[in-house]
Amino acid sequence: MKSRELLSRLNVKTLLVLLRLLREELSAATSETSNLCSAEDLAEKLSAIAKTILPVLRNYSSWFIINRKVLALELINPALDELTSQLWAAYVATLNALLRVFPFQALTEALPPATVMLAEDVESLGFKPLQDAAVISRWYADGQLKPKYLSSRHNQPAAETVMLVRIRALLEDATQMVQDEVRLCMLSSGQN
């Protein structure tokens, strides 16, 4: 097996595990907190596991956006075929669970896009596998490098707000993928 195939397989398996874990944690959080009225209240109730998964899942979401077309081409590889199918199913199921708990419109209205780099953005800055125009907004705003979240010059948002920013970013990534696919379908059918 080639090293690219091995790394793809490892990344697909890791993302699959993270998605399944988050979905389990979301279902536990919603069953315990069904009477809470705001997303901030629910973000406070997310387990330590969910809070640990979110930054890593955000990095893997960027990797998935960048590599989804490569993974689609690798579907002819039997070793990755089943895993990639499982990944797409887990991705959709986890995003649906996120949307049930954190409605996208409510999140976007209540929470502006991140104006600073979060800890995982700072740590992955310059990491070649994540450098792509599709995910550049993690590090740049209006052509300028965003300030670092941990910088003492900037007010640090509450931990719950940071969790919500991460959740919003995951939902935005999914929205971006859908919009990209719709544009590709329109171009291939000759529509503008």
C-alpha atoms as a PDB file:
ATOM      1  CA  MET A   1       0.000   0.000   0.000  1.00  0.00           C
ATOM      2  CA  LYS A   2       1.267   3.481  -0.814  1.00  0.00           C
ATOM      3  CA  SER A   3       1.972   5.947   1.975  1.00  0.00           C
ATOM      4  CA  ARG A   4      -0.777   8.316   0.741  1.00  0.00           C
ATOM      5  CA  GLU A   5      -3.315   5.487   0.955  1.00  0.00           C
ATOM      6  CA  LEU A   6      -2.121   4.583   4.449  1.00  0.00           C
ATOM      7  CA  LEU A   7      -2.378   8.191   5.621  1.00  0.00           C
ATOM      8  CA  SER A   8      -5.798   8.610   4.001  1.00  0.00           C
ATOM      9  CA  ARG A   9      -6.992   5.445   5.715  1.00  0.00           C
ATOM     10  CA  LEU A  10      -5.637   6.627   9.090  1.00  0.00           C
ATOM     11  CA  ASN A  11      -7.233  10.066   8.703  1.00  0.00           C
ATOM     12  CA  VAL A  12     -10.570   8.617   7.589  1.00  0.00           C
ATOM     13  CA  LYS A  13     -10.614   6.213  10.551  1.00  0.00           C
ATOM     14  CA  THR A  14      -9.687   8.979  12.986  1.00  0.00           C
ATOM     15  CA  LEU A  15     -12.337  11.343  11.644  1.00  0.00           C
ATOM     16  CA  LEU A  16     -14.883   8.542  11.762  1.00  0.00           C
ATOM     17  CA  VAL A  17     -14.139   7.857  15.441  1.00  0.00           C
ATOM     18  CA  LEU A  18     -14.298  11.570  16.317  1.00  0.00           C
ATOM     19  CA  LEU A  19     -17.639  12.015  14.547  1.00  0.00           C
ATOM     20  CA  ARG A  20     -19.148   9.000  16.292  1.00  0.00           C
ATOM     21  CA  LEU A  21     -17.878  10.162  19.683  1.00  0.00           C
ATOM     22  CA  LEU A  22     -19.280  13.658  19.217  1.00  0.00           C
ATOM     23  CA  ARG A  23     -22.640  12.292  18.116  1.00  0.00           C
ATOM     24  CA  GLU A  24     -22.804  10.108  21.248  1.00  0.00           C
ATOM     25  CA  GLU A  25     -21.859  13.057  23.450  1.00  0.00           C
ATOM     26  CA  LEU A  26     -24.483  15.273  21.786  1.00  0.00           C
ATOM     27  CA  SER A  27     -27.218  12.744  22.389  1.00  0.00           C
ATOM     28  CA  ALA A  28     -26.176  12.488  26.053  1.00  0.00           C
ATOM     29  CA  ALA A  29     -26.119  16.285  26.383  1.00  0.00           C
ATOM     30  CA  THR A  30     -29.537  16.752  24.787  1.00  0.00           C
ATOM     31  CA  SER A  31     -31.205  14.059  26.891  1.00  0.00           C
ATOM     32  CA  GLU A  32     -29.847  15.646  30.077  1.00  0.00           C
ATOM     33  CA  THR A  33     -30.548  19.246  29.099  1.00  0.00           C
ATOM     34  CA  SER A  34     -33.781  19.222  27.106  1.00  0.00           C
ATOM     35  CA  ASN A  35     -35.208  22.061  29.240  1.00  0.00           C
ATOM     36  CA  LEU A  36     -32.363  24.507  28.577  1.00  0.00           C
ATOM     37  CA  CYS A  37     -33.382  27.467  26.470  1.00  0.00           C
ATOM     38  CA  SER A  38     -30.171  28.826  24.958  1.00  0.00           C
ATOM     39  CA  ALA A  39     -27.235  27.449  23.026  1.00  0.00           C
ATOM     40  CA  GLU A  40     -24.889  28.934  25.645  1.00  0.00           C
ATOM     41  CA  ASP A  41     -26.675  26.928  28.354  1.00  0.00           C
ATOM     42  CA  LEU A  42     -26.264  23.760  26.333  1.00  0.00           C
ATOM     43  CA  ALA A  43     -22.611  24.559  25.525  1.00  0.00           C
ATOM     44  CA  GLU A  44     -21.991  24.702  29.281  1.00  0.00           C
ATOM     45  CA  LYS A  45     -23.409  21.205  29.597  1.00  0.00           C
ATOM     46  CA  LEU A  46     -21.244  19.645  26.893  1.00  0.00           C
ATOM     47  CA  SER A  47     -19.084  16.946  28.377  1.00  0.00           C
ATOM     48  CA  ALA A  48     -15.344  17.211  28.761  1.00  0.00           C
ATOM     49  CA  ILE A  49     -15.069  14.650  25.961  1.00  0.00           C
ATOM     50  CA  ALA A  50     -17.114  16.813  23.569  1.00  0.00           C
ATOM     51  CA  LYS A  51     -15.087  19.890  24.497  1.00  0.00           C
ATOM     52  CA  THR A  52     -11.868  17.967  23.834  1.00  0.00           C
ATOM     53  CA  ILE A  53     -13.127  16.575  20.518  1.00  0.00           C
ATOM     54  CA  LEU A  54     -14.308  19.881  19.033  1.00  0.00           C
ATOM     55  CA  PRO A  55     -10.891  21.506  18.353  1.00  0.00           C
ATOM     56  CA  VAL A  56      -9.532  18.290  16.831  1.00  0.00           C
ATOM     57  CA  LEU A  57     -12.705  17.753  14.838  1.00  0.00           C
ATOM     58  CA  ARG A  58     -12.425  21.292  13.515  1.00  0.00           C
ATOM     59  CA  ASN A  59      -8.948  20.521  12.141  1.00  0.00           C
ATOM     60  CA  TYR A  60     -10.196  17.270  10.645  1.00  0.00           C
ATOM     61  CA  SER A  61     -13.133  19.113   9.119  1.00  0.00           C
ATOM     62  CA  SER A  62     -10.660  21.321   7.270  1.00  0.00           C
ATOM     63  CA  TRP A  63      -8.750  18.236   6.155  1.00  0.00           C
ATOM     64  CA  PHE A  64     -12.011  16.680   4.941  1.00  0.00           C
ATOM     65  CA  ILE A  65     -12.963  19.774   2.932  1.00  0.00           C
ATOM     66  CA  ILE A  66      -9.559  19.793   1.258  1.00  0.00           C
ATOM     67  CA  ASN A  67      -9.442  16.035   0.583  1.00  0.00           C
ATOM     68  CA  ARG A  68     -13.054  15.069  -0.127  1.00  0.00           C
ATOM     69  CA  LYS A  69     -12.491  14.935  -3.892  1.00  0.00           C
ATOM     70  CA  VAL A  70      -9.380  12.797  -3.461  1.00  0.00           C
ATOM     71  CA  LEU A  71     -11.347  10.464  -1.207  1.00  0.00           C
ATOM     72  CA  ALA A  72     -14.083  10.249  -3.841  1.00  0.00           C
ATOM     73  CA  LEU A  73     -11.483   9.229  -6.432  1.00  0.00           C
ATOM     74  CA  GLU A  74     -10.120   6.625  -4.040  1.00  0.00           C
ATOM     75  CA  LEU A  75     -13.518   4.927  -3.864  1.00  0.00           C
ATOM     76  CA  ILE A  76     -12.218   2.550  -6.499  1.00  0.00           C
ATOM     77  CA  ASN A  77      -9.792   1.331  -3.830  1.00  0.00           C
ATOM     78  CA  PRO A  78     -11.567  -1.451  -1.914  1.00  0.00           C
ATOM     79  CA  ALA A  79      -9.531  -0.722   1.239  1.00  0.00           C
ATOM     80  CA  LEU A  80     -10.949   2.804   1.475  1.00  0.00           C
ATOM     81  CA  ASP A  81     -14.333   2.238  -0.155  1.00  0.00           C
ATOM     82  CA  GLU A  82     -16.159   0.931   2.927  1.00  0.00           C
ATOM     83  CA  LEU A  83     -14.428   3.389   5.283  1.00  0.00           C
ATOM     84  CA  THR A  84     -15.264   6.386   3.090  1.00  0.00           C
ATOM     85  CA  SER A  85     -18.902   5.313   2.852  1.00  0.00           C
ATOM     86  CA  GLN A  86     -19.012   4.983   6.638  1.00  0.00           C
ATOM     87  CA  LEU A  87     -17.351   8.386   6.967  1.00  0.00           C
ATOM     88  CA  TRP A  88     -19.966  10.151   4.829  1.00  0.00           C
ATOM     89  CA  ALA A  89     -22.786   8.482   6.773  1.00  0.00           C
ATOM     90  CA  ALA A  90     -21.229   9.452  10.120  1.00  0.00           C
ATOM     91  CA  TYR A  91     -20.546  12.989   8.884  1.00  0.00           C
ATOM     92  CA  VAL A  92     -24.161  13.524   7.853  1.00  0.00           C
ATOM     93  CA  ALA A  93     -25.528  11.946  11.050  1.00  0.00           C
ATOM     94  CA  THR A  94     -23.247  14.043  13.273  1.00  0.00           C
ATOM     95  CA  LEU A  95     -24.080  17.269  11.440  1.00  0.00           C
ATOM     96  CA  ASN A  96     -27.787  16.497  11.753  1.00  0.00           C
ATOM     97  CA  ALA A  97     -27.289  15.940  15.491  1.00  0.00           C
ATOM     98  CA  LEU A  98     -25.423  19.257  15.740  1.00  0.00           C
ATOM     99  CA  LEU A  99     -28.213  21.031  13.863  1.00  0.00           C
ATOM    100  CA  ARG A 100     -30.867  19.573  16.179  1.00  0.00           C
ATOM    101  CA  VAL A 101     -28.999  20.888  19.207  1.00  0.00           C
ATOM    102  CA  PHE A 102     -27.540  24.077  17.717  1.00  0.00           C
ATOM    103  CA  PRO A 103     -29.757  25.440  14.912  1.00  0.00           C
ATOM    104  CA  PHE A 104     -27.485  27.059  12.333  1.00  0.00           C
ATOM    105  CA  GLN A 105     -29.523  30.219  11.865  1.00  0.00           C
ATOM    106  CA  ALA A 106     -29.674  30.820  15.620  1.00  0.00           C
ATOM    107  CA  LEU A 107     -25.911  30.314  15.903  1.00  0.00           C
ATOM    108  CA  THR A 108     -25.111  32.682  13.050  1.00  0.00           C
ATOM    109  CA  GLU A 109     -27.444  35.343  14.424  1.00  0.00           C
ATOM    110  CA  ALA A 110     -26.156  35.067  17.982  1.00  0.00           C
ATOM    111  CA  LEU A 111     -22.494  34.587  17.213  1.00  0.00           C
ATOM    112  CA  PRO A 112     -20.334  36.492  14.723  1.00  0.00           C
ATOM    113  CA  PRO A 113     -17.635  34.630  12.772  1.00  0.00           C
ATOM    114  CA  ALA A 114     -14.378  34.179  14.644  1.00  0.00           C
ATOM    115  CA  THR A 115     -12.271  37.338  14.524  1.00  0.00           C
ATOM    116  CA  VAL A 116      -9.300  35.690  16.210  1.00  0.00           C
ATOM    117  CA  MET A 117      -7.450  32.431  15.658  1.00  0.00           C
ATOM    118  CA  LEU A 118      -8.486  29.809  18.176  1.00  0.00           C
ATOM    119  CA  ALA A 119      -5.880  27.615  19.842  1.00  0.00           C
ATOM    120  CA  GLU A 120      -6.153  24.919  17.142  1.00  0.00           C
ATOM    121  CA  ASP A 121      -5.749  27.564  14.426  1.00  0.00           C
ATOM    122  CA  VAL A 122      -2.552  28.868  16.013  1.00  0.00           C
ATOM    123  CA  GLU A 123      -1.191  25.329  16.369  1.00  0.00           C
ATOM    124  CA  SER A 124      -1.995  24.411  12.744  1.00  0.00           C
ATOM    125  CA  LEU A 125      -0.826  27.676  11.173  1.00  0.00           C
ATOM    126  CA  GLY A 126       1.634  26.746   8.441  1.00  0.00           C
ATOM    127  CA  PHE A 127       0.791  23.026   8.563  1.00  0.00           C
ATOM    128  CA  LYS A 128       0.982  22.151   4.872  1.00  0.00           C
ATOM    129  CA  PRO A 129      -1.839  19.544   4.706  1.00  0.00           C
ATOM    130  CA  LEU A 130      -4.297  22.207   5.926  1.00  0.00           C
ATOM    131  CA  GLN A 131      -3.083  25.041   3.702  1.00  0.00           C
ATOM    132  CA  ASP A 132      -5.743  25.522   1.047  1.00  0.00           C
ATOM    133  CA  ALA A 133      -7.891  28.384  -0.213  1.00  0.00           C
ATOM    134  CA  ALA A 134     -11.001  26.473   0.904  1.00  0.00           C
ATOM    135  CA  VAL A 135     -10.072  26.883   4.583  1.00  0.00           C
ATOM    136  CA  ILE A 136      -7.941  30.041   4.554  1.00  0.00           C
ATOM    137  CA  SER A 137     -10.573  31.986   6.531  1.00  0.00           C
ATOM    138  CA  ARG A 138      -9.444  30.130   9.663  1.00  0.00           C
ATOM    139  CA  TRP A 139      -6.266  32.205   9.672  1.00  0.00           C
ATOM    140  CA  TYR A 140      -7.052  35.289   7.608  1.00  0.00           C
ATOM    141  CA  ALA A 141      -9.719  37.995   7.553  1.00  0.00           C
ATOM    142  CA  ASP A 142      -9.726  40.682   4.867  1.00  0.00           C
ATOM    143  CA  GLY A 143      -6.290  39.550   3.665  1.00  0.00           C
ATOM    144  CA  GLN A 144      -4.723  40.025   7.108  1.00  0.00           C
ATOM    145  CA  LEU A 145      -3.595  37.361   9.544  1.00  0.00           C
ATOM    146  CA  LYS A 146      -6.105  37.184  12.403  1.00  0.00           C
ATOM    147  CA  PRO A 147      -4.804  37.923  15.889  1.00  0.00           C
ATOM    148  CA  LYS A 148      -4.119  34.898  18.061  1.00  0.00           C
ATOM    149  CA  TYR A 149      -6.818  33.969  20.571  1.00  0.00           C
ATOM    150  CA  LEU A 150      -4.294  33.574  23.349  1.00  0.00           C
ATOM    151  CA  SER A 151      -2.781  36.998  22.770  1.00  0.00           C
ATOM    152  CA  SER A 152      -3.013  39.204  25.859  1.00  0.00           C
ATOM    153  CA  ARG A 153      -4.044  42.177  23.682  1.00  0.00           C
ATOM    154  CA  HIS A 154      -7.431  40.640  22.912  1.00  0.00           C
ATOM    155  CA  ASN A 155     -10.353  39.930  25.168  1.00  0.00           C
ATOM    156  CA  GLN A 156     -10.728  36.212  25.492  1.00  0.00           C
ATOM    157  CA  PRO A 157     -14.296  34.989  25.058  1.00  0.00           C
ATOM    158  CA  ALA A 158     -15.837  32.605  27.556  1.00  0.00           C
ATOM    159  CA  ALA A 159     -15.082  28.907  27.082  1.00  0.00           C
ATOM    160  CA  GLU A 160     -18.738  28.288  26.134  1.00  0.00           C
ATOM    161  CA  THR A 161     -18.510  30.928  23.405  1.00  0.00           C
ATOM    162  CA  VAL A 162     -15.360  29.279  22.041  1.00  0.00           C
ATOM    163  CA  MET A 163     -17.219  25.939  21.902  1.00  0.00           C
ATOM    164  CA  LEU A 164     -20.035  27.618  19.978  1.00  0.00           C
ATOM    165  CA  VAL A 165     -17.536  29.188  17.562  1.00  0.00           C
ATOM    166  CA  ARG A 166     -16.144  25.712  16.917  1.00  0.00           C
ATOM    167  CA  ILE A 167     -19.604  24.265  16.358  1.00  0.00           C
ATOM    168  CA  ARG A 168     -20.490  27.124  14.034  1.00  0.00           C
ATOM    169  CA  ALA A 169     -17.267  26.479  12.087  1.00  0.00           C
ATOM    170  CA  LEU A 170     -18.165  22.792  11.653  1.00  0.00           C
ATOM    171  CA  LEU A 171     -21.599  23.723  10.345  1.00  0.00           C
ATOM    172  CA  GLU A 172     -20.091  26.362   8.031  1.00  0.00           C
ATOM    173  CA  ASP A 173     -17.673  23.759   6.667  1.00  0.00           C
ATOM    174  CA  ALA A 174     -20.586  21.468   5.829  1.00  0.00           C
ATOM    175  CA  THR A 175     -22.487  24.341   4.225  1.00  0.00           C
ATOM    176  CA  GLN A 176     -19.414  25.213   2.156  1.00  0.00           C
ATOM    177  CA  MET A 177     -19.108  21.627   0.921  1.00  0.00           C
ATOM    178  CA  VAL A 178     -22.764  21.542  -0.111  1.00  0.00           C
ATOM    179  CA  GLN A 179     -22.484  24.892  -1.910  1.00  0.00           C
ATOM    180  CA  ASP A 180     -19.321  23.762  -3.722  1.00  0.00           C
ATOM    181  CA  GLU A 181     -21.033  20.593  -4.901  1.00  0.00           C
ATOM    182  CA  VAL A 182     -24.112  22.520  -6.085  1.00  0.00           C
ATOM    183  CA  ARG A 183     -21.865  24.901  -8.051  1.00  0.00           C
ATOM    184  CA  LEU A 184     -20.040  21.962  -9.644  1.00  0.00           C
ATOM    185  CA  CYS A 185     -23.347  20.328 -10.629  1.00  0.00           C
ATOM    186  CA  MET A 186     -24.606  23.593 -12.119  1.00  0.00           C
ATOM    187  CA  LEU A 187     -21.400  24.094 -14.100  1.00  0.00           C
ATOM    188  CA  SER A 188     -21.390  20.534 -15.414  1.00  0.00           C
ATOM    189  CA  SER A 189     -25.031  20.841 -16.523  1.00  0.00           C
ATOM    190  CA  GLY A 190     -24.349  24.185 -18.241  1.00  0.00           C
ATOM    191  CA  GLN A 191     -26.355  26.317 -15.791  1.00  0.00           C
ATOM    192  CA  ASN A 192     -24.932  29.574 -14.444  1.00  0.00           C
END
